[in-house]
Every structure is written in C-alpha cells, then in structure tokens.
Amino acid sequence: MKPNTSIAMKMLIEQVQSALPFERPEHEICAGKCVGCPKKMLEYMGSELDHYQCQLDNEVIPSLGEISDLARVAKKVHRSMARNSLV
C-alpha cells in the first residue's frame, strides 16, 4: 500500500536529514575546495526541512508537487555536497 502524502513527506525529511552533513561544524564545511557555497546550501535546505516539518506538525497535508519539489532540491544540494567532498 502506498503511503499518504504526509507519511511520504516525513520519510523524505528523514532521508534528507540523514544524507546531508547538517551535524558537521562550520570549519569543516568551509574548508578545502568550494564549489558553490555548501554552508548556504545547508542553511537553505535546513530552512526548507523546518518549514515542511512545521507544516506537518500543524497537520497541513503536503501536495505531491511539494514532495517532488523538495526531493528535487535535496538531490541538487546533495550533488553539490558530493562535489565539495562533504558526503
């Protein structure tokens, strides 16, 4: 059985949080080569995750488009983190 959109969004948020280096200190993120700004990308991604988590906490049901958009942005940020050797 397919999960509803709220469960799918929760699962996506958990996957993104575990895949990106949110727990790393700033001096490790900003060290070495820098393709784009990994610090700003992580801040942006963190704010997006917080936004959607807040919506879920307030029982706002996400649309499939919102899930798709978050997944697309997360993939781009993950690729950037890989280019910076952070994941």
C-alpha atoms as a PDB file:
ATOM      1  CA  MET A   1       0.000   0.000   0.000  1.00  0.00           C
ATOM      2  CA  LYS A   2       1.283   3.452  -0.906  1.00  0.00           C
ATOM      3  CA  PRO A   3       1.858   5.918   1.956  1.00  0.00           C
ATOM      4  CA  ASN A   4      -0.226   9.072   2.086  1.00  0.00           C
ATOM      5  CA  THR A   5       1.499  12.358   1.309  1.00  0.00           C
ATOM      6  CA  SER A   6       2.074  13.243   4.984  1.00  0.00           C
ATOM      7  CA  ILE A   7       3.912   9.983   5.619  1.00  0.00           C
ATOM      8  CA  ALA A   8       5.843  10.340   2.356  1.00  0.00           C
ATOM      9  CA  MET A   9       6.939  13.865   3.354  1.00  0.00           C
ATOM     10  CA  LYS A  10       8.042  12.656   6.810  1.00  0.00           C
ATOM     11  CA  MET A  11      10.055   9.868   5.198  1.00  0.00           C
ATOM     12  CA  LEU A  12      11.653  12.295   2.730  1.00  0.00           C
ATOM     13  CA  ILE A  13      12.590  14.728   5.519  1.00  0.00           C
ATOM     14  CA  GLU A  14      14.238  11.917   7.488  1.00  0.00           C
ATOM     15  CA  GLN A  15      16.153  10.718   4.425  1.00  0.00           C
ATOM     16  CA  VAL A  16      17.419  14.205   3.621  1.00  0.00           C
ATOM     17  CA  GLN A  17      18.466  14.836   7.226  1.00  0.00           C
ATOM     18  CA  SER A  18      20.449  11.614   7.318  1.00  0.00           C
ATOM     19  CA  ALA A  19      22.027  12.124   3.855  1.00  0.00           C
ATOM     20  CA  LEU A  20      23.310  15.682   4.279  1.00  0.00           C
ATOM     21  CA  PRO A  21      26.078  16.769   6.700  1.00  0.00           C
ATOM     22  CA  PHE A  22      23.965  19.031   8.953  1.00  0.00           C
ATOM     23  CA  GLU A  23      25.890  17.911  12.052  1.00  0.00           C
ATOM     24  CA  ARG A  24      29.307  18.904  10.708  1.00  0.00           C
ATOM     25  CA  PRO A  25      30.872  22.027  12.216  1.00  0.00           C
ATOM     26  CA  GLU A  26      31.211  25.108  10.042  1.00  0.00           C
ATOM     27  CA  HIS A  27      35.020  24.956   9.909  1.00  0.00           C
ATOM     28  CA  GLU A  28      34.807  21.507   8.248  1.00  0.00           C
ATOM     29  CA  ILE A  29      32.137  22.602   5.771  1.00  0.00           C
ATOM     30  CA  CYS A  30      34.034  25.695   4.686  1.00  0.00           C
ATOM     31  CA  ALA A  31      37.456  24.002   4.461  1.00  0.00           C
ATOM     32  CA  GLY A  32      39.005  22.784   1.240  1.00  0.00           C
ATOM     33  CA  LYS A  33      37.644  23.327  -2.227  1.00  0.00           C
ATOM     34  CA  CYS A  34      34.383  25.170  -2.520  1.00  0.00           C
ATOM     35  CA  VAL A  35      32.018  24.619  -5.458  1.00  0.00           C
ATOM     36  CA  GLY A  36      29.075  26.848  -4.686  1.00  0.00           C
ATOM     37  CA  CYS A  37      28.657  27.654  -1.017  1.00  0.00           C
ATOM     38  CA  PRO A  38      27.962  24.482   0.937  1.00  0.00           C
ATOM     39  CA  LYS A  39      27.228  26.447   4.118  1.00  0.00           C
ATOM     40  CA  LYS A  40      24.494  28.487   2.446  1.00  0.00           C
ATOM     41  CA  MET A  41      23.076  25.408   0.715  1.00  0.00           C
ATOM     42  CA  LEU A  42      22.834  23.559   4.022  1.00  0.00           C
ATOM     43  CA  GLU A  43      21.214  26.579   5.664  1.00  0.00           C
ATOM     44  CA  TYR A  44      18.679  26.782   2.836  1.00  0.00           C
ATOM     45  CA  MET A  45      17.967  23.050   2.937  1.00  0.00           C
ATOM     46  CA  GLY A  46      17.607  23.181   6.730  1.00  0.00           C
ATOM     47  CA  SER A  47      15.096  26.010   6.491  1.00  0.00           C
ATOM     48  CA  GLU A  48      13.098  24.107   3.863  1.00  0.00           C
ATOM     49  CA  LEU A  49      13.036  20.988   6.038  1.00  0.00           C
ATOM     50  CA  ASP A  50      11.989  23.058   9.062  1.00  0.00           C
ATOM     51  CA  HIS A  51       9.212  24.669   7.017  1.00  0.00           C
ATOM     52  CA  TYR A  52       7.769  21.349   5.876  1.00  0.00           C
ATOM     53  CA  GLN A  53       8.178  19.785   9.324  1.00  0.00           C
ATOM     54  CA  CYS A  54       6.265  22.728  10.817  1.00  0.00           C
ATOM     55  CA  GLN A  55       3.510  22.239   8.255  1.00  0.00           C
ATOM     56  CA  LEU A  56       3.303  18.547   9.143  1.00  0.00           C
ATOM     57  CA  ASP A  57       3.200  19.407  12.859  1.00  0.00           C
ATOM     58  CA  ASN A  58       0.273  21.748  12.127  1.00  0.00           C
ATOM     59  CA  GLU A  59      -1.453  18.937  10.213  1.00  0.00           C
ATOM     60  CA  VAL A  60      -1.182  20.663   6.829  1.00  0.00           C
ATOM     61  CA  ILE A  61      -1.271  17.943   4.193  1.00  0.00           C
ATOM     62  CA  PRO A  62       1.507  18.382   1.594  1.00  0.00           C
ATOM     63  CA  SER A  63       0.778  18.032  -2.089  1.00  0.00           C
ATOM     64  CA  LEU A  64       2.622  15.663  -4.388  1.00  0.00           C
ATOM     65  CA  GLY A  65       4.155  18.712  -6.049  1.00  0.00           C
ATOM     66  CA  GLU A  66       5.640  19.907  -2.760  1.00  0.00           C
ATOM     67  CA  ILE A  67       7.148  16.470  -2.125  1.00  0.00           C
ATOM     68  CA  SER A  68       8.550  16.383  -5.646  1.00  0.00           C
ATOM     69  CA  ASP A  69       9.994  19.896  -5.347  1.00  0.00           C
ATOM     70  CA  LEU A  70      11.659  19.135  -2.013  1.00  0.00           C
ATOM     71  CA  ALA A  71      13.138  15.913  -3.404  1.00  0.00           C
ATOM     72  CA  ARG A  72      14.460  17.732  -6.484  1.00  0.00           C
ATOM     73  CA  VAL A  73      16.125  20.469  -4.417  1.00  0.00           C
ATOM     74  CA  ALA A  74      17.561  17.907  -1.991  1.00  0.00           C
ATOM     75  CA  LYS A  75      19.117  15.967  -4.881  1.00  0.00           C
ATOM     76  CA  LYS A  76      20.765  19.127  -6.215  1.00  0.00           C
ATOM     77  CA  VAL A  77      22.116  20.051  -2.776  1.00  0.00           C
ATOM     78  CA  HIS A  78      23.392  16.503  -2.272  1.00  0.00           C
ATOM     79  CA  ARG A  79      25.223  16.616  -5.624  1.00  0.00           C
ATOM     80  CA  SER A  80      26.808  19.899  -4.590  1.00  0.00           C
ATOM     81  CA  MET A  81      27.887  18.414  -1.255  1.00  0.00           C
ATOM     82  CA  ALA A  82      29.419  15.480  -3.154  1.00  0.00           C
ATOM     83  CA  ARG A  83      31.357  17.893  -5.389  1.00  0.00           C
ATOM     84  CA  ASN A  84      32.701  19.527  -2.224  1.00  0.00           C
ATOM     85  CA  SER A  85      33.628  16.095  -0.778  1.00  0.00           C
ATOM     86  CA  LEU A  86      31.276  16.535   2.185  1.00  0.00           C
ATOM     87  CA  VAL A  87      29.208  13.370   1.668  1.00  0.00           C
END
